[in-house]
C-alpha atoms as a PDB file:
ATOM      1  CA  MET A   1     -17.715  -2.731  -2.624  1.00  0.00           C
ATOM      2  CA  ALA A   2     -17.918  -1.908  -6.387  1.00  0.00           C
ATOM      3  CA  GLN A   3     -14.737  -2.766  -8.247  1.00  0.00           C
ATOM      4  CA  PRO A   4     -14.688  -1.140 -11.729  1.00  0.00           C
ATOM      5  CA  LEU A   5     -11.225  -0.717 -12.987  1.00  0.00           C
ATOM      6  CA  THR A   6     -12.121   2.642 -14.391  1.00  0.00           C
ATOM      7  CA  VAL A   7     -14.671   5.212 -13.346  1.00  0.00           C
ATOM      8  CA  LYS A   8     -16.261   7.285 -15.924  1.00  0.00           C
ATOM      9  CA  PRO A   9     -14.874  10.741 -16.279  1.00  0.00           C
ATOM     10  CA  GLY A  10     -16.982  13.476 -14.478  1.00  0.00           C
ATOM     11  CA  LYS A  11     -18.006  11.176 -11.641  1.00  0.00           C
ATOM     12  CA  LYS A  12     -16.652  11.723  -8.105  1.00  0.00           C
ATOM     13  CA  ILE A  13     -14.110   8.980  -7.022  1.00  0.00           C
ATOM     14  CA  ASP A  14     -13.781   8.063  -3.324  1.00  0.00           C
ATOM     15  CA  LEU A  15     -11.137   5.520  -2.489  1.00  0.00           C
ATOM     16  CA  ALA A  16     -13.116   4.355   0.379  1.00  0.00           C
ATOM     17  CA  ASP A  17     -15.540   2.691  -2.098  1.00  0.00           C
ATOM     18  CA  PHE A  18     -12.812   0.411  -3.350  1.00  0.00           C
ATOM     19  CA  ASP A  19     -11.524  -2.737  -1.731  1.00  0.00           C
ATOM     20  CA  PRO A  20      -7.737  -2.900  -1.896  1.00  0.00           C
ATOM     21  CA  ALA A  21      -7.849  -6.614  -1.115  1.00  0.00           C
ATOM     22  CA  PHE A  22     -10.420  -7.219  -3.975  1.00  0.00           C
ATOM     23  CA  HIS A  23      -9.352 -10.214  -6.346  1.00  0.00           C
ATOM     24  CA  ASP A  24     -12.514 -11.077  -8.137  1.00  0.00           C
ATOM     25  CA  GLY A  25     -12.533 -14.535  -6.980  1.00  0.00           C
ATOM     26  CA  LEU A  26      -9.669 -15.447  -9.074  1.00  0.00           C
ATOM     27  CA  ASP A  27      -7.412 -18.427  -8.495  1.00  0.00           C
ATOM     28  CA  LYS A  28      -3.787 -17.356  -7.776  1.00  0.00           C
ATOM     29  CA  GLU A  29      -2.297 -20.143 -10.127  1.00  0.00           C
ATOM     30  CA  GLN A  30      -4.722 -19.502 -12.965  1.00  0.00           C
ATOM     31  CA  ALA A  31      -4.131 -15.630 -12.732  1.00  0.00           C
ATOM     32  CA  ALA A  32      -0.396 -16.334 -12.910  1.00  0.00           C
ATOM     33  CA  LEU A  33      -0.710 -18.298 -16.086  1.00  0.00           C
ATOM     34  CA  GLU A  34      -2.879 -15.515 -17.650  1.00  0.00           C
ATOM     35  CA  THR A  35      -0.546 -12.832 -16.402  1.00  0.00           C
ATOM     36  CA  GLU A  36       2.437 -14.623 -18.252  1.00  0.00           C
ATOM     37  CA  LYS A  37       0.402 -14.768 -21.380  1.00  0.00           C
ATOM     38  CA  ASN A  38      -0.354 -11.055 -21.163  1.00  0.00           C
ATOM     39  CA  ILE A  39       3.294 -10.354 -20.599  1.00  0.00           C
ATOM     40  CA  GLU A  40       4.194 -12.206 -23.814  1.00  0.00           C
ATOM     41  CA  VAL A  41       1.573 -10.218 -25.754  1.00  0.00           C
ATOM     42  CA  VAL A  42       2.829  -6.969 -24.326  1.00  0.00           C
ATOM     43  CA  ASP A  43       6.389  -7.759 -25.203  1.00  0.00           C
ATOM     44  CA  ASP A  44       5.512  -8.447 -28.744  1.00  0.00           C
ATOM     45  CA  LEU A  45       3.319  -5.276 -29.094  1.00  0.00           C
ATOM     46  CA  CYS A  46       5.988  -3.007 -27.501  1.00  0.00           C
ATOM     47  CA  TYR A  47       8.439  -4.427 -30.127  1.00  0.00           C
ATOM     48  CA  ARG A  48       5.981  -3.527 -32.811  1.00  0.00           C
ATOM     49  CA  LEU A  49       5.395  -0.007 -31.470  1.00  0.00           C
ATOM     50  CA  TYR A  50       9.245   0.439 -31.426  1.00  0.00           C
ATOM     51  CA  ALA A  51       9.556  -0.757 -35.063  1.00  0.00           C
ATOM     52  CA  GLU A  52       6.575   1.256 -36.143  1.00  0.00           C
ATOM     53  CA  GLY A  53       8.151   4.411 -34.660  1.00  0.00           C
ATOM     54  CA  LYS A  54       5.129   6.764 -34.990  1.00  0.00           C
ATOM     55  CA  ARG A  55       3.511   6.539 -31.608  1.00  0.00           C
ATOM     56  CA  SER A  56       4.500   6.128 -27.943  1.00  0.00           C
ATOM     57  CA  LEU A  57       3.112   4.717 -24.708  1.00  0.00           C
ATOM     58  CA  LEU A  58       3.406   6.561 -21.223  1.00  0.00           C
ATOM     59  CA  ILE A  59       2.658   4.437 -18.065  1.00  0.00           C
ATOM     60  CA  VAL A  60       1.865   6.521 -14.981  1.00  0.00           C
ATOM     61  CA  LEU A  61       2.143   4.616 -11.813  1.00  0.00           C
ATOM     62  CA  GLN A  62       0.927   6.179  -8.491  1.00  0.00           C
ATOM     63  CA  GLY A  63       0.311   4.686  -5.110  1.00  0.00           C
ATOM     64  CA  MET A  64       1.281   4.884  -1.446  1.00  0.00           C
ATOM     65  CA  ASP A  65       4.622   3.638  -0.255  1.00  0.00           C
ATOM     66  CA  THR A  66       5.131  -0.153  -0.609  1.00  0.00           C
ATOM     67  CA  ALA A  67       2.131  -0.385  -3.029  1.00  0.00           C
ATOM     68  CA  GLY A  68       4.426  -2.205  -5.491  1.00  0.00           C
ATOM     69  CA  LYS A  69       5.275   0.139  -8.241  1.00  0.00           C
ATOM     70  CA  ASP A  70       8.791  -1.386  -8.537  1.00  0.00           C
ATOM     71  CA  GLY A  71       7.585  -4.846  -8.284  1.00  0.00           C
ATOM     72  CA  LEU A  72       4.920  -4.283 -11.000  1.00  0.00           C
ATOM     73  CA  ILE A  73       7.529  -2.854 -13.425  1.00  0.00           C
ATOM     74  CA  ARG A  74       9.884  -5.825 -12.853  1.00  0.00           C
ATOM     75  CA  LYS A  75       7.082  -8.275 -13.325  1.00  0.00           C
ATOM     76  CA  VAL A  76       4.798  -6.993 -16.067  1.00  0.00           C
ATOM     77  CA  LEU A  77       7.335  -5.453 -18.192  1.00  0.00           C
ATOM     78  CA  SER A  78       9.972  -8.167 -17.567  1.00  0.00           C
ATOM     79  CA  GLY A  79       9.862  -9.334 -21.268  1.00  0.00           C
ATOM     80  CA  VAL A  80      10.177  -5.931 -22.986  1.00  0.00           C
ATOM     81  CA  ASP A  81      13.467  -5.214 -24.760  1.00  0.00           C
ATOM     82  CA  PRO A  82      15.427  -2.640 -22.768  1.00  0.00           C
ATOM     83  CA  VAL A  83      16.182  -0.787 -26.069  1.00  0.00           C
ATOM     84  CA  ASN A  84      12.597   0.557 -26.244  1.00  0.00           C
ATOM     85  CA  VAL A  85      11.594   0.801 -22.541  1.00  0.00           C
ATOM     86  CA  ARG A  86      12.795   3.358 -19.927  1.00  0.00           C
ATOM     87  CA  VAL A  87      11.790   4.133 -16.356  1.00  0.00           C
ATOM     88  CA  ALA A  88      11.774   7.697 -14.875  1.00  0.00           C
ATOM     89  CA  ALA A  89      11.330   8.139 -11.260  1.00  0.00           C
ATOM     90  CA  PHE A  90      10.501  11.284  -9.488  1.00  0.00           C
ATOM     91  CA  LYS A  91      11.606  12.084  -5.950  1.00  0.00           C
ATOM     92  CA  ARG A  92      11.667  15.398  -4.011  1.00  0.00           C
ATOM     93  CA  PRO A  93      12.480  18.219  -6.622  1.00  0.00           C
ATOM     94  CA  THR A  94      15.902  19.561  -6.763  1.00  0.00           C
ATOM     95  CA  ALA A  95      16.739  23.255  -6.467  1.00  0.00           C
ATOM     96  CA  GLU A  96      17.110  23.460 -10.128  1.00  0.00           C
ATOM     97  CA  GLU A  97      13.791  21.846 -10.729  1.00  0.00           C
ATOM     98  CA  LEU A  98      12.088  24.194  -8.228  1.00  0.00           C
ATOM     99  CA  GLY A  99      13.357  27.047 -10.153  1.00  0.00           C
ATOM    100  CA  HIS A 100      11.100  26.089 -13.186  1.00  0.00           C
ATOM    101  CA  ASP A 101       7.474  25.406 -13.495  1.00  0.00           C
ATOM    102  CA  PHE A 102       6.410  22.027 -11.871  1.00  0.00           C
ATOM    103  CA  LEU A 103       6.062  20.327 -15.250  1.00  0.00           C
ATOM    104  CA  TRP A 104       9.460  21.158 -16.507  1.00  0.00           C
ATOM    105  CA  ARG A 105      11.105  18.058 -15.097  1.00  0.00           C
ATOM    106  CA  ILE A 106       8.323  15.971 -16.345  1.00  0.00           C
ATOM    107  CA  HIS A 107       8.033  17.095 -19.871  1.00  0.00           C
ATOM    108  CA  LYS A 108      11.759  16.369 -20.673  1.00  0.00           C
ATOM    109  CA  VAL A 109      11.439  12.702 -20.064  1.00  0.00           C
ATOM    110  CA  THR A 110       8.255  11.890 -21.746  1.00  0.00           C
ATOM    111  CA  PRO A 111       8.544   9.156 -24.503  1.00  0.00           C
ATOM    112  CA  ARG A 112       9.750   9.638 -27.867  1.00  0.00           C
ATOM    113  CA  HIS A 113       7.937   7.958 -30.923  1.00  0.00           C
ATOM    114  CA  GLY A 114       8.361   4.202 -30.555  1.00  0.00           C
ATOM    115  CA  GLU A 115       9.308   4.317 -26.964  1.00  0.00           C
ATOM    116  CA  VAL A 116       7.621   2.961 -23.701  1.00  0.00           C
ATOM    117  CA  VAL A 117       8.238   5.167 -20.630  1.00  0.00           C
ATOM    118  CA  ILE A 118       7.109   4.255 -17.165  1.00  0.00           C
ATOM    119  CA  PHE A 119       6.721   7.066 -14.537  1.00  0.00           C
ATOM    120  CA  ASN A 120       7.441   5.648 -11.245  1.00  0.00           C
ATOM    121  CA  ARG A 121       5.519   8.437  -9.391  1.00  0.00           C
ATOM    122  CA  SER A 122       4.926  11.395 -11.603  1.00  0.00           C
ATOM    123  CA  HIS A 123       3.601  14.844 -12.142  1.00  0.00           C
ATOM    124  CA  TYR A 124       0.741  14.030  -9.625  1.00  0.00           C
ATOM    125  CA  GLU A 125       3.331  14.303  -6.796  1.00  0.00           C
ATOM    126  CA  ASP A 126       3.010  18.032  -7.321  1.00  0.00           C
ATOM    127  CA  VAL A 127      -0.736  17.956  -6.226  1.00  0.00           C
ATOM    128  CA  LEU A 128      -0.037  15.514  -3.227  1.00  0.00           C
ATOM    129  CA  ALA A 129       2.861  16.468  -1.140  1.00  0.00           C
ATOM    130  CA  PRO A 130       2.319  20.223  -1.577  1.00  0.00           C
ATOM    131  CA  ARG A 131      -1.358  19.757  -0.412  1.00  0.00           C
ATOM    132  CA  VAL A 132      -0.757  17.293   2.377  1.00  0.00           C
ATOM    133  CA  HIS A 133       2.234  19.167   3.874  1.00  0.00           C
ATOM    134  CA  GLN A 134       0.963  22.616   3.082  1.00  0.00           C
ATOM    135  CA  LEU A 135       4.024  23.435   1.024  1.00  0.00           C
ATOM    136  CA  VAL A 136       2.193  25.987  -1.286  1.00  0.00           C
ATOM    137  CA  ALA A 137      -0.982  27.990  -1.129  1.00  0.00           C
ATOM    138  CA  GLU A 138      -4.228  26.003  -1.776  1.00  0.00           C
ATOM    139  CA  ALA A 139      -4.858  28.123  -4.887  1.00  0.00           C
ATOM    140  CA  VAL A 140      -1.476  27.017  -6.233  1.00  0.00           C
ATOM    141  CA  TRP A 141      -1.889  23.269  -6.033  1.00  0.00           C
ATOM    142  CA  LYS A 142      -5.550  23.368  -7.123  1.00  0.00           C
ATOM    143  CA  SER A 143      -4.627  25.199 -10.312  1.00  0.00           C
ATOM    144  CA  ARG A 144      -2.236  22.284 -11.113  1.00  0.00           C
ATOM    145  CA  TYR A 145      -5.239  20.027 -11.944  1.00  0.00           C
ATOM    146  CA  ASP A 146      -5.994  22.018 -14.938  1.00  0.00           C
ATOM    147  CA  ARG A 147      -2.471  22.230 -15.979  1.00  0.00           C
ATOM    148  CA  ILE A 148      -1.967  18.419 -15.787  1.00  0.00           C
ATOM    149  CA  ASN A 149      -5.200  17.956 -17.916  1.00  0.00           C
ATOM    150  CA  ASP A 150      -3.799  20.306 -20.456  1.00  0.00           C
ATOM    151  CA  PHE A 151      -0.309  18.615 -20.454  1.00  0.00           C
ATOM    152  CA  GLU A 152      -1.764  15.166 -20.970  1.00  0.00           C
ATOM    153  CA  GLN A 153      -4.048  16.437 -23.679  1.00  0.00           C
ATOM    154  CA  LEU A 154      -0.836  17.829 -25.367  1.00  0.00           C
ATOM    155  CA  LEU A 155       0.886  14.379 -25.201  1.00  0.00           C
ATOM    156  CA  VAL A 156      -2.149  12.578 -26.580  1.00  0.00           C
ATOM    157  CA  GLU A 157      -2.311  14.969 -29.407  1.00  0.00           C
ATOM    158  CA  SER A 158       1.389  14.159 -30.070  1.00  0.00           C
ATOM    159  CA  ASN A 159       0.525  10.476 -30.509  1.00  0.00           C
ATOM    160  CA  THR A 160       1.337   9.372 -26.958  1.00  0.00           C
ATOM    161  CA  THR A 161      -1.125   6.940 -25.286  1.00  0.00           C
ATOM    162  CA  ILE A 162      -1.272   7.551 -21.612  1.00  0.00           C
ATOM    163  CA  VAL A 163      -2.087   4.611 -19.087  1.00  0.00           C
ATOM    164  CA  LYS A 164      -2.510   5.783 -15.538  1.00  0.00           C
ATOM    165  CA  MET A 165      -2.662   3.140 -12.756  1.00  0.00           C
ATOM    166  CA  PHE A 166      -3.258   3.839  -9.044  1.00  0.00           C
ATOM    167  CA  LEU A 167      -2.030   0.953  -6.966  1.00  0.00           C
ATOM    168  CA  HIS A 168      -4.765   0.994  -4.225  1.00  0.00           C
ATOM    169  CA  LEU A 169      -3.139  -0.371  -0.976  1.00  0.00           C
ATOM    170  CA  SER A 170      -4.714  -0.783   2.510  1.00  0.00           C
ATOM    171  CA  ARG A 171      -3.190   0.782   5.515  1.00  0.00           C
ATOM    172  CA  ASN A 172      -2.880  -2.496   7.156  1.00  0.00           C
ATOM    173  CA  GLU A 173      -1.053  -4.208   4.388  1.00  0.00           C
ATOM    174  CA  GLN A 174       1.301  -1.300   4.282  1.00  0.00           C
ATOM    175  CA  GLY A 175       2.060  -1.819   7.813  1.00  0.00           C
ATOM    176  CA  ARG A 176       2.793  -5.461   7.188  1.00  0.00           C
ATOM    177  CA  ARG A 177       5.102  -4.564   4.267  1.00  0.00           C
ATOM    178  CA  LEU A 178       6.966  -1.872   6.144  1.00  0.00           C
ATOM    179  CA  GLN A 179       7.580  -4.215   8.982  1.00  0.00           C
ATOM    180  CA  ALA A 180       8.806  -6.894   6.507  1.00  0.00           C
ATOM    181  CA  ARG A 181      11.409  -4.321   5.376  1.00  0.00           C
ATOM    182  CA  LEU A 182      12.679  -3.844   8.793  1.00  0.00           C
ATOM    183  CA  GLU A 183      13.083  -7.497   9.366  1.00  0.00           C
ATOM    184  CA  ASN A 184      14.723  -8.244   6.061  1.00  0.00           C
ATOM    185  CA  PRO A 185      18.433  -7.190   6.048  1.00  0.00           C
ATOM    186  CA  GLN A 186      18.432  -7.119   2.220  1.00  0.00           C
ATOM    187  CA  LYS A 187      15.503  -4.533   2.296  1.00  0.00           C
ATOM    188  CA  ARG A 188      16.046  -2.462   5.332  1.00  0.00           C
ATOM    189  CA  TRP A 189      18.050   0.065   3.260  1.00  0.00           C
ATOM    190  CA  LYS A 190      14.640   0.900   1.646  1.00  0.00           C
ATOM    191  CA  PHE A 191      13.137   1.881   5.103  1.00  0.00           C
ATOM    192  CA  GLU A 192      13.279   5.462   6.255  1.00  0.00           C
ATOM    193  CA  ARG A 193      11.936   7.105   9.405  1.00  0.00           C
ATOM    194  CA  GLY A 194      10.028   9.490   7.208  1.00  0.00           C
ATOM    195  CA  ASP A 195       7.931   6.686   5.986  1.00  0.00           C
ATOM    196  CA  LEU A 196       6.431   6.633   9.342  1.00  0.00           C
ATOM    197  CA  VAL A 197       5.615  10.352   9.222  1.00  0.00           C
ATOM    198  CA  GLU A 198       3.839   9.927   5.859  1.00  0.00           C
ATOM    199  CA  ARG A 199       1.921   6.925   7.262  1.00  0.00           C
ATOM    200  CA  LYS A 200       0.492   9.087  10.087  1.00  0.00           C
ATOM    201  CA  LEU A 201      -0.932  11.265   7.235  1.00  0.00           C
ATOM    202  CA  TRP A 202      -2.645   8.351   5.564  1.00  0.00           C
ATOM    203  CA  ASP A 203      -6.188   9.806   5.753  1.00  0.00           C
ATOM    204  CA  ASP A 204      -4.935  13.116   4.244  1.00  0.00           C
ATOM    205  CA  TYR A 205      -3.235  11.289   1.428  1.00  0.00           C
ATOM    206  CA  GLN A 206      -6.357   9.158   0.679  1.00  0.00           C
ATOM    207  CA  SER A 207      -8.441  12.356   0.493  1.00  0.00           C
ATOM    208  CA  ALA A 208      -5.829  14.052  -1.833  1.00  0.00           C
ATOM    209  CA  TYR A 209      -5.773  11.018  -4.047  1.00  0.00           C
ATOM    210  CA  SER A 210      -9.577  10.875  -4.256  1.00  0.00           C
ATOM    211  CA  ASP A 211      -9.629  14.449  -5.424  1.00  0.00           C
ATOM    212  CA  LEU A 212      -6.941  14.071  -8.081  1.00  0.00           C
ATOM    213  CA  LEU A 213      -8.436  10.894  -9.318  1.00  0.00           C
ATOM    214  CA  THR A 214     -11.675  12.781  -9.851  1.00  0.00           C
ATOM    215  CA  ARG A 215     -10.193  15.858 -11.176  1.00  0.00           C
ATOM    216  CA  CYS A 216      -7.698  14.402 -13.618  1.00  0.00           C
ATOM    217  CA  ASN A 217      -9.811  11.385 -14.786  1.00  0.00           C
ATOM    218  CA  SER A 218     -10.299  12.436 -18.568  1.00  0.00           C
ATOM    219  CA  GLU A 219     -11.532  10.727 -21.567  1.00  0.00           C
ATOM    220  CA  GLN A 220      -8.065  11.000 -23.129  1.00  0.00           C
ATOM    221  CA  ALA A 221      -6.201   9.732 -20.074  1.00  0.00           C
ATOM    222  CA  PRO A 222      -8.484   7.911 -17.633  1.00  0.00           C
ATOM    223  CA  TRP A 223      -7.407   6.436 -14.329  1.00  0.00           C
ATOM    224  CA  HIS A 224      -7.412   2.680 -13.661  1.00  0.00           C
ATOM    225  CA  ILE A 225      -7.740   1.875  -9.826  1.00  0.00           C
ATOM    226  CA  VAL A 226      -5.817  -1.457  -9.171  1.00  0.00           C
ATOM    227  CA  PRO A 227      -6.425  -3.203  -5.965  1.00  0.00           C
ATOM    228  CA  ALA A 228      -2.845  -3.789  -4.615  1.00  0.00           C
ATOM    229  CA  ASP A 229      -3.097  -5.820  -1.323  1.00  0.00           C
ATOM    230  CA  HIS A 230      -2.562  -8.905  -3.221  1.00  0.00           C
ATOM    231  CA  ARG A 231       0.638  -8.625  -5.410  1.00  0.00           C
ATOM    232  CA  TRP A 232      -0.388 -11.395  -7.835  1.00  0.00           C
ATOM    233  CA  TYR A 233      -3.733  -9.766  -8.444  1.00  0.00           C
ATOM    234  CA  ARG A 234      -2.097  -6.416  -9.001  1.00  0.00           C
ATOM    235  CA  ASP A 235       0.195  -7.755 -11.555  1.00  0.00           C
ATOM    236  CA  HIS A 236      -2.591  -9.567 -13.260  1.00  0.00           C
ATOM    237  CA  VAL A 237      -4.799  -6.529 -13.566  1.00  0.00           C
ATOM    238  CA  ALA A 238      -1.906  -4.271 -14.719  1.00  0.00           C
ATOM    239  CA  SER A 239      -0.997  -6.942 -17.335  1.00  0.00           C
ATOM    240  CA  ARG A 240      -4.487  -6.879 -18.639  1.00  0.00           C
ATOM    241  CA  ILE A 241      -4.680  -3.061 -18.781  1.00  0.00           C
ATOM    242  CA  LEU A 242      -1.372  -2.711 -20.768  1.00  0.00           C
ATOM    243  CA  ARG A 243      -2.307  -5.582 -23.031  1.00  0.00           C
ATOM    244  CA  SER A 244      -5.684  -3.930 -23.830  1.00  0.00           C
ATOM    245  CA  ALA A 245      -4.060  -0.487 -24.460  1.00  0.00           C
ATOM    246  CA  LEU A 246      -1.508  -1.870 -26.747  1.00  0.00           C
ATOM    247  CA  GLU A 247      -3.938  -4.025 -28.629  1.00  0.00           C
ATOM    248  CA  LYS A 248      -6.157  -0.993 -29.155  1.00  0.00           C
ATOM    249  CA  LEU A 249      -3.101   0.744 -30.662  1.00  0.00           C
ATOM    250  CA  ASP A 250      -2.404  -2.254 -32.794  1.00  0.00           C
ATOM    251  CA  PRO A 251       1.131  -1.233 -33.901  1.00  0.00           C
ATOM    252  CA  GLN A 252       2.371  -2.534 -37.125  1.00  0.00           C
ATOM    253  CA  LEU A 253       5.785  -3.493 -38.423  1.00  0.00           C
ATOM    254  CA  PRO A 254       7.175  -1.402 -41.252  1.00  0.00           C
ATOM    255  CA  GLU A 255       6.819  -2.557 -44.793  1.00  0.00           C
ATOM    256  CA  GLU A 256       9.865  -4.533 -45.768  1.00  0.00           C
ATOM    257  CA  GLU A 257      12.108  -3.423 -48.638  1.00  0.00           C
ATOM    258  CA  PRO A 258      10.998  -5.101 -51.953  1.00  0.00           C
ATOM    259  CA  GLY A 259      12.895  -7.979 -53.421  1.00  0.00           C
ATOM    260  CA  LEU A 260      14.203  -9.288 -50.172  1.00  0.00           C
ATOM    261  CA  ASP A 261      13.229 -12.908 -51.027  1.00  0.00           C
ATOM    262  CA  ASP A 262      16.009 -12.938 -53.651  1.00  0.00           C
ATOM    263  CA  VAL A 263      18.754 -11.807 -51.224  1.00  0.00           C
ATOM    264  CA  VAL A 264      21.327 -14.434 -50.385  1.00  0.00           C
ATOM    265  CA  ILE A 265      23.997 -13.918 -47.783  1.00  0.00           C
ATOM    266  CA  GLU A 266      27.397 -15.077 -48.893  1.00  0.00           C
END
């Protein structure tokens, strides 16, 4: 199967064409060393982005349950100073949120200048669950593709770089991870019977994801498809993507105040 991390906007994306277990023949230990180096660079560049205070970074993570969004955040952003990074998680909309347009709860937590924000799930939930569970009319969820593209364009024009990663997990690997949750007393709290209901809709979700990846894969905010069956390779790829995005931004430290060489602290 072909394994490009990104697909050119305008081309149809079918998740069946991507192998969730792909690891590019990499050695796990060597990949781990490269991942650690990438994490160091990401840390430094995030600090510079914060100090510069003119631009921001939004990281959008999507994937089926157990794909590893939490684990990726803990690993790849482990070195970033908490003062300039924030995680926003999106669950089922509240009554107040349902009383507004679907992007209302999203827009108010986007990053300010200098900040890195990670969306653990995102505005894309509003073209997934409503479609799969038939919560709204087809015309409603279909119209949201264009609204999302406009929203992301607005963020880009406001100096926010958007990095979108879909963590591509196989159904078999999800089954193993769900079983591991049940067998681990420290993780059983994360298991819900509703997970099994969603699992039965696997094919519907794969189809919905394929469509949103196609429809919302723009030049200004492209999707990256990250094979996620191997946690170490998932983290390796994600660290490479974030390092590349930040290196393209090349944030600079502000100019220091003149004459500081002559300052002596008494």
